[in-house]
Structures are given as structure tokens and as C-alpha cells.
Protein backbone atom coordinates (compact mmCIF):
# COMPACT_ATOMS: atom_id res chain seq x y z
CA UNK A 1 4.23 16.41 9.07
CA UNK A 2 5.04 13.94 6.06
CA UNK A 3 2.88 12.23 3.73
CA UNK A 4 2.09 9.27 0.91
CA UNK A 5 1.52 11.23 -2.13
CA UNK A 6 0.92 9.68 -5.47
CA UNK A 7 2.79 11.13 -7.81
CA UNK A 8 0.98 12.02 -11.05
CA UNK A 9 3.26 15.29 -11.42
CA UNK A 10 7.15 14.91 -11.14
CA UNK A 11 11.70 14.36 -11.10
CA UNK A 12 14.88 16.08 -12.16
CA UNK A 13 17.99 15.42 -13.52
CA UNK A 14 20.15 13.16 -14.99
CA UNK A 15 22.42 12.12 -12.35
CA UNK A 16 26.33 11.79 -12.50
CA UNK A 17 27.46 8.47 -11.78
CA UNK A 18 30.18 8.84 -9.88
CA UNK A 19 29.39 7.94 -5.70
CA UNK A 20 31.77 8.35 -3.14
CA UNK A 21 31.91 5.02 -1.18
CA UNK A 22 34.13 6.40 1.86
CA UNK A 23 37.21 5.25 3.04
CA UNK A 24 39.31 6.92 -0.41
CA UNK A 25 37.13 3.87 -2.25
CA UNK A 26 35.64 5.16 -5.61
CA UNK A 27 32.89 3.14 -7.84
CA UNK A 28 32.90 4.31 -10.90
CA UNK A 29 29.91 2.80 -13.07
CA UNK A 30 31.51 2.15 -16.39
CA UNK A 31 29.36 0.89 -19.38
CA UNK A 32 31.01 -1.43 -21.62
CA UNK A 33 29.24 -1.66 -24.99
CA UNK A 34 25.52 -0.92 -23.30
CA UNK A 35 26.65 -3.86 -20.66
CA UNK A 36 25.54 -3.72 -17.38
CA UNK A 37 27.50 -0.98 -15.03
CA UNK A 38 31.02 -2.76 -13.64
CA UNK A 39 33.09 -0.79 -10.96
CA UNK A 40 36.22 0.09 -10.40
CA UNK A 41 38.74 0.73 -7.41
CA UNK A 42 40.56 4.14 -7.04
CA UNK A 43 43.34 2.97 -8.73
CA UNK A 44 41.63 1.65 -11.84
CA UNK A 45 39.90 4.70 -11.95
CA UNK A 46 42.80 6.65 -11.60
CA UNK A 47 45.00 4.85 -14.40
CA UNK A 48 41.53 4.90 -16.62
CA UNK A 49 40.98 8.87 -16.01
CA UNK A 50 41.89 9.58 -19.92
CA UNK A 51 39.04 7.29 -21.11
CA UNK A 52 36.72 6.95 -18.65
CA UNK A 53 34.99 9.89 -18.69
CA UNK A 54 33.50 8.75 -22.62
CA UNK A 55 32.51 5.39 -21.27
CA UNK A 56 30.49 6.50 -18.05
CA UNK A 57 27.64 7.15 -18.77
CA UNK A 58 23.64 5.28 -19.32
CA UNK A 59 23.15 7.16 -21.94
CA UNK A 60 22.60 4.01 -24.26
CA UNK A 61 20.20 2.34 -21.97
CA UNK A 62 18.20 5.71 -21.80
CA UNK A 63 18.09 5.97 -25.69
CA UNK A 64 16.40 2.43 -26.01
CA UNK A 65 13.91 2.60 -22.98
CA UNK A 66 12.85 6.32 -23.06
CA UNK A 67 10.68 6.29 -26.26
CA UNK A 68 8.57 3.45 -24.19
CA UNK A 69 7.51 6.40 -22.13
CA UNK A 70 5.02 8.23 -22.23
CA UNK A 71 3.39 11.34 -21.00
CA UNK A 72 -0.34 10.99 -20.04
CA UNK A 73 -3.29 14.42 -19.73
CA UNK A 74 -6.35 13.28 -18.69
CA UNK A 75 -9.48 15.29 -17.86
CA UNK A 76 -12.51 14.46 -16.03
CA UNK A 77 -16.03 16.58 -15.45
CA UNK A 78 -17.20 17.42 -11.74
CA UNK A 79 -20.86 17.10 -12.07
CA UNK A 80 -22.62 20.17 -10.25
CA UNK A 81 -24.61 17.90 -8.14
CA UNK A 82 -21.74 16.34 -6.81
CA UNK A 83 -20.07 20.69 -5.90
CA UNK A 84 -23.69 21.31 -4.29
CA UNK A 85 -23.27 18.66 -2.12
CA UNK A 86 -19.76 19.68 -1.23
CA UNK A 87 -20.64 23.31 -0.65
CA UNK A 88 -23.84 22.46 1.19
CA UNK A 89 -21.21 20.67 3.70
CA UNK A 90 -19.19 23.54 4.54
CA UNK A 91 -20.58 26.19 7.23
CA UNK A 92 -17.75 28.69 6.46
CA UNK A 93 -19.09 29.23 2.95
CA UNK A 94 -22.37 31.04 4.60
CA UNK A 95 -20.32 33.47 6.67
CA UNK A 96 -20.06 36.63 5.92
CA UNK A 97 -16.39 36.87 6.83
CA UNK A 98 -15.35 33.67 4.76
CA UNK A 99 -17.36 34.99 1.86
CA UNK A 100 -15.38 38.47 1.64
CA UNK A 101 -12.39 36.11 0.47
CA UNK A 102 -14.15 33.76 -1.60
CA UNK A 103 -16.24 36.66 -3.11
CA UNK A 104 -20.00 37.71 -2.11
CA UNK A 105 -21.85 35.24 -4.07
CA UNK A 106 -24.89 33.58 -3.04
CA UNK A 107 -23.50 30.23 -1.48
CA UNK A 108 -26.61 28.56 -2.19
CA UNK A 109 -26.68 29.52 -6.29
CA UNK A 110 -26.55 26.40 -8.47
CA UNK A 111 -23.00 25.45 -9.48
CA UNK A 112 -21.83 24.28 -12.77
CA UNK A 113 -19.94 21.39 -14.24
CA UNK A 114 -16.26 22.38 -14.53
CA UNK A 115 -13.46 20.44 -15.65
CA UNK A 116 -10.37 19.16 -13.69
CA UNK A 117 -7.36 18.39 -15.46
CA UNK A 118 -4.06 16.06 -14.29
CA UNK A 119 -0.68 14.91 -16.14
CA UNK A 120 1.10 11.62 -15.24
CA UNK A 121 3.13 8.94 -17.18
CA UNK A 122 3.08 5.99 -18.80
CA UNK A 123 4.62 2.72 -20.21
CA UNK A 124 4.13 1.19 -23.37
CA UNK A 125 4.56 -2.64 -22.79
CA UNK A 126 3.23 -3.57 -25.99
CA UNK A 127 3.78 -2.81 -29.68
CA UNK A 128 -0.09 -2.90 -30.23
CA UNK A 129 -0.50 -0.21 -28.17
CA UNK A 130 -1.17 -1.20 -24.45
CA UNK A 131 -0.26 1.17 -22.02
CA UNK A 132 0.37 0.82 -18.18
CA UNK A 133 -0.11 3.66 -15.57
CA UNK A 134 -1.74 4.28 -12.07
CA UNK A 135 -5.20 3.78 -11.61
CA UNK A 136 -4.94 7.76 -9.80
CA UNK A 137 -3.52 9.24 -13.10
CA UNK A 138 -7.05 8.21 -15.18
CA UNK A 139 -9.31 7.69 -12.22
CA UNK A 140 -12.78 8.77 -13.05
CA UNK A 141 -11.36 10.53 -16.57
CA UNK A 142 -13.45 11.06 -19.38
CA UNK A 143 -10.78 12.16 -21.70
CA UNK A 144 -7.30 10.78 -21.83
CA UNK A 145 -4.40 12.14 -24.30
CA UNK A 146 -1.10 10.42 -24.97
CA UNK A 147 1.99 12.09 -26.19
CA UNK A 148 5.17 10.12 -27.00
CA UNK A 149 8.33 11.11 -26.87
CA UNK A 150 8.78 11.68 -30.43
CA UNK A 151 5.67 14.31 -30.11
CA UNK A 152 2.87 12.36 -31.28
CA UNK A 153 -0.55 12.75 -29.90
CA UNK A 154 -2.96 9.94 -29.06
CA UNK A 155 -5.94 9.68 -27.92
CA UNK A 156 -6.45 6.63 -25.38
CA UNK A 157 -9.14 4.68 -24.34
CA UNK A 158 -9.11 3.05 -21.05
CA UNK A 159 -8.71 -0.85 -21.17
CA UNK A 160 -9.43 -0.97 -17.31
CA UNK A 161 -8.36 0.03 -14.21
CA UNK A 162 -7.82 -1.48 -10.71
CA UNK A 163 -7.60 0.71 -7.53
CA UNK A 164 -6.73 -2.15 -4.92
CA UNK A 165 -3.08 -2.18 -7.04
CA UNK A 166 -3.67 1.45 -8.20
CA UNK A 167 -2.47 -0.23 -11.69
CA UNK A 168 -4.57 0.97 -14.95
CA UNK A 169 -4.42 0.13 -18.93
CA UNK A 170 -5.09 1.82 -21.47
CA UNK A 171 -4.67 1.76 -25.07
CA UNK A 172 -3.82 3.71 -28.09
CA UNK A 173 -4.00 3.26 -32.14
CA UNK A 174 -1.17 3.48 -34.13
CA UNK A 175 -0.61 2.40 -37.66
CA UNK A 176 3.27 1.64 -37.05
CA UNK A 177 4.72 -0.74 -34.65
CA UNK A 178 5.31 1.45 -30.72
CA UNK A 179 8.38 1.36 -28.71
CA UNK A 180 8.03 -0.99 -25.91
CA UNK A 181 10.26 -1.63 -22.75
CA UNK A 182 10.85 -5.07 -22.19
CA UNK A 183 9.90 -6.54 -18.58
CA UNK A 184 12.34 -7.81 -15.95
CA UNK A 185 11.57 -10.58 -13.10
CA UNK A 186 11.04 -8.11 -10.71
CA UNK A 187 11.26 -10.72 -7.80
CA UNK A 188 15.05 -10.79 -8.59
CA UNK A 189 15.52 -6.72 -7.84
CA UNK A 190 17.83 -6.54 -4.73
CA UNK A 191 18.60 -3.54 -2.35
CA UNK A 192 21.72 -1.41 -3.86
CA UNK A 193 21.00 -2.35 -7.48
CA UNK A 194 20.93 0.69 -9.48
CA UNK A 195 17.98 1.91 -11.30
CA UNK A 196 16.63 4.52 -13.50
CA UNK A 197 13.52 6.49 -12.77
CA UNK A 198 11.94 7.77 -16.08
CA UNK A 199 9.18 10.15 -16.18
CA UNK A 200 6.70 13.70 -16.88
CA UNK A 201 7.57 15.24 -13.70
CA UNK A 202 5.93 18.92 -12.63
CA UNK A 203 5.31 18.61 -16.91
CA UNK A 204 8.39 19.73 -17.68
CA UNK A 205 9.05 16.97 -20.34
CA UNK A 206 10.12 13.89 -20.12
CA UNK A 207 13.25 13.26 -16.90
CA UNK A 208 15.74 10.54 -15.90
CA UNK A 209 17.16 10.30 -12.47
CA UNK A 210 19.12 8.12 -10.78
CA UNK A 211 19.54 5.75 -7.85
CA UNK A 212 19.53 2.17 -6.18
CA UNK A 213 16.66 -0.31 -4.85
CA UNK A 214 16.31 1.17 -1.30
CA UNK A 215 14.05 -1.58 -0.16
CA UNK A 216 11.60 -4.40 -1.10
CA UNK A 217 8.20 -5.28 -0.33
CA UNK A 218 7.34 -2.03 1.23
CA UNK A 219 4.02 -1.96 2.91
CA UNK A 220 2.77 1.83 3.50
CA UNK A 221 -0.40 0.69 5.46
CA UNK A 222 -2.93 1.75 2.90
CA UNK A 223 -6.60 1.06 2.88
CA UNK A 224 -6.86 -2.10 4.00
CA UNK A 225 -8.37 -3.02 0.56
CA UNK A 226 -5.45 -2.21 -1.06
CA UNK A 227 -2.57 -4.69 -2.37
CA UNK A 228 1.07 -3.07 -1.23
CA UNK A 229 4.09 -4.75 -2.31
CA UNK A 230 6.22 -1.48 -3.26
CA UNK A 231 9.87 -1.46 -4.74
CA UNK A 232 11.23 1.66 -2.54
CA UNK A 233 14.00 3.76 -4.07
CA UNK A 234 16.02 6.88 -4.29
CA UNK A 235 15.70 7.69 -7.81
CA UNK A 236 14.19 11.22 -7.73
CA UNK A 237 10.57 11.20 -7.94
CA UNK A 238 8.20 14.21 -8.20
CA UNK A 239 4.62 14.63 -8.77
CA UNK A 240 3.90 13.58 -12.64
CA UNK A 241 6.30 10.54 -12.54
CA UNK A 242 3.01 8.44 -11.64
CA UNK A 243 2.64 5.28 -14.18
CA UNK A 244 6.17 6.40 -15.43
CA UNK A 245 9.14 3.53 -15.57
CA UNK A 246 11.42 2.28 -13.21
CA UNK A 247 14.30 0.48 -14.96
CA UNK A 248 17.30 -1.62 -13.98
CA UNK A 249 20.93 -1.08 -15.37
CA UNK A 250 19.85 -3.31 -18.43
CA UNK A 251 16.69 -1.30 -19.53
CA UNK A 252 14.56 -3.71 -18.52
CA UNK A 253 11.33 -2.45 -16.55
CA UNK A 254 11.14 -3.40 -13.28
CA UNK A 255 8.46 -1.22 -11.52
CA UNK A 256 5.74 1.51 -12.35
CA UNK A 257 6.62 4.66 -10.27
CA UNK A 258 3.53 5.24 -8.01
CA UNK A 259 3.99 7.27 -4.82
CA UNK A 260 6.52 9.61 -2.73
CA UNK A 261 6.70 9.98 1.15
CA UNK A 262 7.24 13.86 1.63
CA UNK A 263 6.67 16.51 3.91
CA UNK A 264 6.75 19.22 1.17
CA UNK A 265 5.01 17.24 -1.92
CA UNK A 266 8.19 16.72 -3.28
CA UNK A 267 10.92 14.26 -4.12
CA UNK A 268 12.31 13.41 -0.37
CA UNK A 269 14.34 10.22 -1.39
CA UNK A 270 11.83 8.14 -0.79
CA UNK A 271 9.80 6.85 -3.45
CA UNK A 272 7.65 3.65 -4.65
CA UNK A 273 7.14 1.80 -7.25
CA UNK A 274 4.33 -1.70 -7.71
CA UNK A 275 6.95 -4.41 -9.05
CA UNK A 276 6.23 -5.26 -12.53
CA UNK A 277 5.51 -8.63 -12.06
CA UNK A 278 2.17 -7.79 -9.62
CA UNK A 279 1.57 -4.91 -12.41
CA UNK A 280 1.74 -7.60 -15.33
CA UNK A 281 -0.54 -9.83 -13.78
CA UNK A 282 -3.07 -7.08 -12.96
CA UNK A 283 -2.58 -5.94 -16.98
CA UNK A 284 -3.36 -9.14 -18.43
CA UNK A 285 -6.48 -9.81 -16.31
CA UNK A 286 -7.65 -6.40 -17.44
CA UNK A 287 -6.85 -7.28 -20.64
CA UNK A 288 -8.61 -10.50 -20.60
CA UNK A 289 -11.46 -9.84 -18.85
CA UNK A 290 -11.67 -6.24 -17.74
CA UNK A 291 -11.51 -6.86 -14.18
CA UNK A 292 -9.05 -8.53 -11.46
CA UNK A 293 -9.92 -11.35 -9.90
CA UNK A 294 -8.38 -12.43 -6.37
CA UNK A 295 -8.54 -15.66 -3.99
CA UNK A 296 -10.45 -14.82 -0.74
CA UNK A 297 -9.95 -16.87 2.48
CA UNK A 298 -12.88 -14.36 4.46
CA UNK A 299 -10.61 -14.21 7.83
CA UNK A 300 -9.72 -10.98 9.24
CA UNK A 301 -6.05 -10.46 10.39
CA UNK A 302 -3.13 -8.78 12.60
CA UNK A 303 0.71 -8.65 12.58
CA UNK A 304 2.20 -10.90 14.97
CA UNK A 305 4.58 -8.84 17.41
CA UNK A 306 6.98 -9.77 19.97
CA UNK A 307 4.88 -9.61 22.55
CA UNK A 308 1.66 -11.42 20.77
CA UNK A 309 4.42 -14.25 19.99
CA UNK A 310 5.13 -14.69 23.57
CA UNK A 311 1.57 -14.60 24.19
CA UNK A 312 0.59 -17.21 21.96
CA UNK A 313 3.63 -19.41 23.08
CA UNK A 314 5.55 -19.05 19.67
CA UNK A 315 9.03 -19.34 18.54
CA UNK A 316 10.75 -16.03 18.76
CA UNK A 317 10.85 -13.72 14.83
CA UNK A 318 8.93 -16.38 13.37
CA UNK A 319 6.14 -13.49 11.92
CA UNK A 320 3.11 -14.39 10.56
CA UNK A 321 -0.52 -13.50 10.85
CA UNK A 322 -2.56 -13.81 13.48
CA UNK A 323 -6.33 -14.42 12.84
CA UNK A 324 -8.65 -11.99 14.97
CA UNK A 325 -12.10 -13.10 13.22
CA UNK A 326 -13.74 -15.41 10.87
CA UNK A 327 -16.71 -14.52 8.83
CA UNK A 328 -19.36 -16.98 8.95
CA UNK A 329 -19.61 -18.86 5.73
CA UNK A 330 -16.45 -18.00 3.98
CA UNK A 331 -13.33 -20.40 2.84
CA UNK A 332 -11.93 -19.95 6.16
CA UNK A 333 -14.85 -20.72 8.18
CA UNK A 334 -15.44 -23.74 6.38
CA UNK A 335 -11.82 -25.03 6.19
CA UNK A 336 -12.09 -24.48 10.20
CA UNK A 337 -9.73 -21.94 11.14
CA UNK A 338 -10.16 -20.30 14.17
CA UNK A 339 -9.76 -16.74 15.93
CA UNK A 340 -6.10 -17.11 17.82
CA UNK A 341 -4.85 -19.33 14.93
CA UNK A 342 -1.33 -18.26 13.85
CA UNK A 343 -0.86 -18.43 10.00
CA UNK A 344 2.89 -18.64 9.73
CA UNK A 345 3.31 -20.14 5.90
CA UNK A 346 1.59 -20.99 2.66
CA UNK A 347 2.19 -23.92 0.82
CA UNK A 348 5.23 -24.39 2.37
CA UNK A 349 6.75 -20.67 2.11
CA UNK A 350 6.55 -18.63 5.03
CA UNK A 351 4.89 -15.19 5.80
CA UNK A 352 6.81 -12.66 7.45
CA UNK A 353 3.38 -10.59 8.26
CA UNK A 354 -0.41 -10.35 7.43
CA UNK A 355 0.43 -7.98 4.37
CA UNK A 356 2.19 -10.45 2.51
CA UNK A 357 -0.07 -13.21 3.47
CA UNK A 358 -3.00 -11.13 2.20
CA UNK A 359 -0.55 -10.67 -1.19
CA UNK A 360 -0.14 -14.51 -1.33
CA UNK A 361 -3.62 -15.53 -1.02
CA UNK A 362 -4.76 -12.65 -3.57
CA UNK A 363 -2.36 -14.20 -5.93
CA UNK A 364 -3.99 -17.43 -6.20
CA UNK A 365 -7.06 -17.78 -8.61
CA UNK A 366 -10.65 -18.98 -6.49
CA UNK A 367 -11.10 -22.47 -6.80
CA UNK A 368 -7.15 -22.78 -5.42
CA UNK A 369 -6.90 -25.22 -2.56
CA UNK A 370 -3.81 -23.51 -0.78
CA UNK A 371 -2.28 -25.20 2.98
CA UNK A 372 -1.79 -23.18 5.33
CA UNK A 373 0.78 -23.85 7.97
CA UNK A 374 -1.04 -23.09 11.49
CA UNK A 375 -0.34 -22.66 15.27
CA UNK A 376 -2.94 -23.61 17.28
CA UNK A 377 -2.86 -23.87 21.08
CA UNK A 378 1.26 -24.02 21.07
CA UNK A 379 0.92 -27.04 18.22
CA UNK A 380 1.78 -26.72 14.38
CA UNK A 381 -1.00 -27.85 11.45
CA UNK A 382 -1.29 -27.95 8.29
CA UNK A 383 -4.72 -26.78 7.00
CA UNK A 384 -6.46 -27.40 3.45
CA UNK A 385 -8.48 -24.12 2.64
CA UNK A 386 -10.25 -23.61 -0.69
CA UNK A 387 -10.08 -19.89 -1.72
CA UNK A 388 -13.22 -18.15 -3.31
CA UNK A 389 -13.56 -15.13 -5.05
CA UNK A 390 -12.77 -12.03 -3.18
CA UNK A 391 -16.00 -9.98 -2.94
CA UNK A 392 -16.01 -6.64 -5.23
CA UNK A 393 -17.09 -3.99 -3.45
CA UNK A 394 -15.91 -5.10 0.32
CA UNK A 395 -14.98 -2.82 2.48
CA UNK A 396 -13.98 -2.64 6.28
CA UNK A 397 -15.02 0.09 8.24
CA UNK A 398 -12.88 0.95 10.90
CA UNK A 399 -13.97 3.97 12.45
CA UNK A 400 -13.10 4.93 15.79
CA UNK A 401 -15.83 6.05 18.38
CA UNK A 402 -14.84 6.81 22.16
CA UNK A 403 -17.15 6.68 25.43
CA UNK A 404 -18.15 8.79 27.73
CA UNK A 405 -19.27 7.19 30.68
CA UNK A 406 -17.09 6.86 33.44
CA UNK A 407 -16.49 3.18 34.10
CA UNK A 408 -14.70 1.73 37.56
CA UNK A 409 -10.90 0.39 37.83
CA UNK A 410 -10.37 -2.88 36.54
CA UNK A 411 -8.13 -5.84 37.40
CA UNK A 412 -5.80 -4.28 34.34
CA UNK A 413 -3.78 -1.42 36.09
CA UNK A 414 -4.52 1.73 34.31
CA UNK A 415 -7.78 0.96 32.48
CA UNK A 416 -11.53 1.00 33.82
CA UNK A 417 -14.06 -0.80 32.27
CA UNK A 418 -17.98 -1.10 32.13
CA UNK A 419 -20.46 -3.96 30.98
CA UNK A 420 -20.85 -3.19 27.14
CA UNK A 421 -24.73 -2.22 27.21
CA UNK A 422 -27.25 -2.09 24.13
CA UNK A 423 -27.01 1.70 24.10
CA UNK A 424 -23.22 2.00 24.19
CA UNK A 425 -23.07 -0.94 21.37
CA UNK A 426 -25.02 1.43 18.86
CA UNK A 427 -23.34 4.30 20.14
CA UNK A 428 -19.90 2.27 18.95
CA UNK A 429 -21.75 1.14 15.79
CA UNK A 430 -21.11 -2.43 16.88
CA UNK A 431 -23.41 -5.51 15.64
CA UNK A 432 -25.72 -6.47 18.42
CA UNK A 433 -24.11 -9.91 18.63
CA UNK A 434 -20.78 -8.27 19.87
CA UNK A 435 -20.14 -9.30 23.63
CA UNK A 436 -17.64 -7.95 26.03
CA UNK A 437 -16.46 -4.92 28.40
CA UNK A 438 -15.98 -1.73 27.16
CA UNK A 439 -12.99 0.45 28.13
CA UNK A 440 -13.77 4.03 29.56
CA UNK A 441 -10.55 5.56 30.49
CA UNK A 442 -7.04 5.11 29.71
CA UNK A 443 -3.91 5.93 31.90
CA UNK A 444 -1.62 7.44 29.16
CA UNK A 445 1.23 6.33 31.71
CA UNK A 446 0.29 2.78 31.92
CA UNK A 447 1.64 -0.24 30.25
CA UNK A 448 -2.11 -0.63 28.82
CA UNK A 449 -1.75 2.59 26.79
CA UNK A 450 1.58 1.84 25.89
CA UNK A 451 0.65 -1.18 24.03
CA UNK A 452 -2.01 0.59 22.39
CA UNK A 453 -5.49 0.31 24.19
CA UNK A 454 -7.90 3.45 24.03
CA UNK A 455 -10.87 4.39 24.89
CA UNK A 456 -13.90 3.11 23.09
CA UNK A 457 -12.03 0.07 22.86
CA UNK A 458 -14.40 -3.55 23.28
CA UNK A 459 -12.54 -5.96 24.86
CA UNK A 460 -14.07 -9.42 23.55
CA UNK A 461 -11.37 -12.12 25.11
CA UNK A 462 -8.62 -12.45 27.98
CA UNK A 463 -5.93 -15.05 26.98
CA UNK A 464 -8.54 -16.32 24.88
CA UNK A 465 -11.51 -17.15 26.99
CA UNK A 466 -15.20 -15.57 26.43
CA UNK A 467 -15.62 -12.16 28.16
CA UNK A 468 -19.15 -10.95 29.18
CA UNK A 469 -19.35 -8.70 31.97
CA UNK A 470 -16.12 -6.83 34.40
CA UNK A 471 -16.61 -9.85 36.91
CA UNK A 472 -15.77 -11.97 33.54
CA UNK A 473 -12.90 -9.66 32.73
CA UNK A 474 -11.26 -9.09 36.32
CA UNK A 475 -11.00 -12.54 36.94
CA UNK A 476 -9.64 -13.65 34.06
CA UNK A 477 -6.76 -10.85 34.48
CA UNK A 478 -5.91 -11.66 38.32
CA UNK A 479 -5.46 -15.44 36.34
CA UNK A 480 -2.81 -14.24 34.16
CA UNK A 481 0.32 -15.17 34.18
CA UNK A 482 3.59 -12.79 32.92
CA UNK A 483 1.27 -11.23 29.87
CA UNK A 484 -2.20 -10.62 29.15
CA UNK A 485 -3.41 -11.04 25.68
CA UNK A 486 -6.58 -9.11 24.89
CA UNK A 487 -8.77 -9.58 22.08
CA UNK A 488 -10.06 -6.04 21.09
CA UNK A 489 -13.17 -4.90 19.04
CA UNK A 490 -12.06 -1.37 17.61
CA UNK A 491 -15.13 0.50 15.52
CA UNK A 492 -15.87 -3.03 14.21
CA UNK A 493 -12.32 -4.33 13.65
CA UNK A 494 -10.35 -6.63 15.74
CA UNK A 495 -7.34 -6.89 16.72
CA UNK A 496 -4.87 -8.75 19.55
CA UNK A 497 -3.06 -6.49 22.07
CA UNK A 498 -0.17 -8.57 24.76
CA UNK A 499 0.06 -6.41 27.76
CA UNK A 500 2.97 -7.37 29.93
CA UNK A 501 2.04 -7.39 33.31
CA UNK A 502 -1.64 -6.29 34.83
């Protein structure tokens, strides 16, 4: 099973910059006087075969960029109380069979404080000593050490961290001006651009790898409170590269290497970097106030898939984000936004999905009024929303709980439901104001299961009409024409599911 890994340690070797493009064509990446690479045809490469090997190199680019990439070592203390709580929750440690492998010590013995260390990378972005890295590289650290490429060592202080973007800023004090990396405009990065990853993989020392930008605007479906807009690259990134530099062929910083998608824990050609535009915005706020302030609307969102778009009567392929809930008293509520509204643009710029919408809203300062382009009941309108500050500790728990009670077959094929009683609502940990019918069984071969309905889901609307009883549900399903649009409450989170047929 593949997994997303924050790479606190990792990379490989400098790649030879000649790649076969197929059909007998060769792209030779030749640099002339330190400028960007140029592409040569097979014939041109052959005619220049005696001189090209001396110029086929990114060495001048790396020579300028590498000194600004540093190695970071962090140490944190795990308190005895935390260890004791964790141990007490593991019944295996009280089993004599398992104690044979972990030592025959008293499992109730009071544990001692212990130290944990980790390694990562960072990028000097200001000559006064400010360094960009990942939050997970220094998270919880009690001490942070920085080693430069010339082997000078410094003790760093943590200026600020932002777990939502996984960016942190640390600072070292030096009497001499420090080497820095110039920043690029990451919004101009394109798929196919050559890029280099610089970092300190596996603790072996600084390493450079080469690849291309494989994708932009990647969202990996992380925690709801996170903000993801990754640059994807096939340049080798491994544990230890976290916080290191992703640069373009001109030696400009386009991203902060952050994670890999891998089943083994090592590079599989799918790495991710935080765009420098986002990282710089976070850095500027952390340096100014020690925290990051983001715009906040107060609506729960979901992506608009083709079935949902059809049920809403939206243009095919239009994208956008559907509102599944509006929190009372929030900017969305005050502006008059409603459940079932579909937001397709912000200030005239289209949004492809809910991730892009969240990023766009978060990029505005609280107090900013934005114009949202909204589809409501098949009609388009612009709604102004004045944003507030995003709550600092907001968390949306979406734990799923299944029910065991057997309901009655409903008007929706393959689905059994029953009225949502107060007892079932408590079991599902739902707010007492939630009304609807709870799904007690879903036939795995049904279109409802294929669409994503699950046992324990509470259906609160059918075709945007409220549901309070199984009678309501059956009547509204029978009245459906074509597809049936359901609004689901799943562990407190809400989403639309469209089902073709009945």
C-alpha cells in the first residue's frame, strides 16, 4: 500500500542530462554561459559531439544554489507522562507472551523522559539568517542545529510554524552575509519544466537530483484543515529532503520539498513541493506576527462530480464547489449563501474544485470582500462575502460510525433505512438538531454502494428537499426523475451524493 511520507531524510545522485525522446530524437540539455538549457536535435548533437560533453552540465547552477541549502538536525524531549499514557493504552505490554520480546520488565514501571532526533533540510532565503523549512522537520523541537555546506554549525531559533501549510521559519545569527537562493514566481512553473532537488537525504550529506515538473496544483486529500497546492516532480526526493530546495534551471527557488508518495518509504518518482509563492506568504506573516491569518467563509464544501453537476443542472465540466452546510453566524451565513449553492468563481477567476476554492479564500486577509459567482436553482448570481479570520483551532471531526439496527427496504434500490431516533443520533455522535433517516444496510452490488453510500450515513435531504421520516424519504425518491441527489451527514460532515436511477 502506498503512503504519503513527509521526507525528513532523503535523495540520490546528480543525473546525466541526456534523455531519449523516442523516434530517434535526443534532447541534449546544453548550458551556455550559465543560461537556461537549450534543446538540440540528433543531428546537431552529433555535429557538436566533440565539444558538447564539456557544456552538458548544470554545475554552474548548482554551484550558485547549493550553498544556500542547509542541513537541519532537531531534538525533542518526549515526556514520561506521555509515554506512560501511550503504554497504558496498549494491552499487549501486559501480556507475558509479548513481554518475552520487549523485556520482562514491570509494564507499570514509571518511564523516563527520552530524547528523539530527526534530520531534514532548509533553504536560506534572507542573508540575515532566515531559513525556510517544513513544520514537520522542527515540530515540537527543543533544540535545532543548522549545518551549512561549508560545515559551519549554528544553533537556530524557531521564528514560527504553520502546520496547515507545513511551513516553518527558523533563524541563525551570523556576522557574515549568508548565501541565499533567489525566489521565482512559482505560478509560472509549467509541466515539463526542468527542476533540481537539493537536500540532505538519509544523513549522507548534500545531494542534487534532476527531473521535471510533473504536475502543478496537486492536492493529496490531506486533513481538512490543511492547505495543499503542491508542485509534483519526478526529481528524486527521499527522507531527509524535507525542507530542501526545488529550483528551476536558472537556479531560482520554486518550491520547498515536502513529501513523497511511496509504498516503500523511498523515492518512487512522485515527490511534492510547496510552491514558493505560498511559502513566502506564510513566511512573511510568521516573521511579522509569529502566526498566519487566513480568510474564512464558514461553509462546508465538496467537489462537484459529473453526477452531482447533472443533478444540479450545471454545465458539464464546469467545476466548482458545492456548499453542503453553512455555519450560523459566519460570513457565508451573513451573505446569504445556502446549502446546495455551487460556487464556480471568486472575483471573476474560476475555481476547479473545493481545494482551489479553500486556497483562494484563505489567501485573502480577514475583512476583505470577495465576489462569489454562484449557481442556485439553475440560475447564476454574484454574491459578495466579507471574510472573517479563520478560527485558530478549528477542527472538523469526520469519524464514521456504522449502525447495527436493521431497517426496512426503502424506495432507493439496495438501501435500507429507518427513522433517526435520539438514541441512534447519540450513537453516531450527531448534533441533536440533525433530522433525517439513517442507512442501516447497503447492497454492495447496488448503484447506491457504487456512488458511495455507507451504513451509518444519515440522509437529510432528497433532491434538496428536507427528510424527517422514512415516509418522506420514500415519497421524494419515488418523485425523482433520472438521478436522485442526496445530502448526507456522515459523522458530522456533510456531502452530496448523486445516484443514477432509483
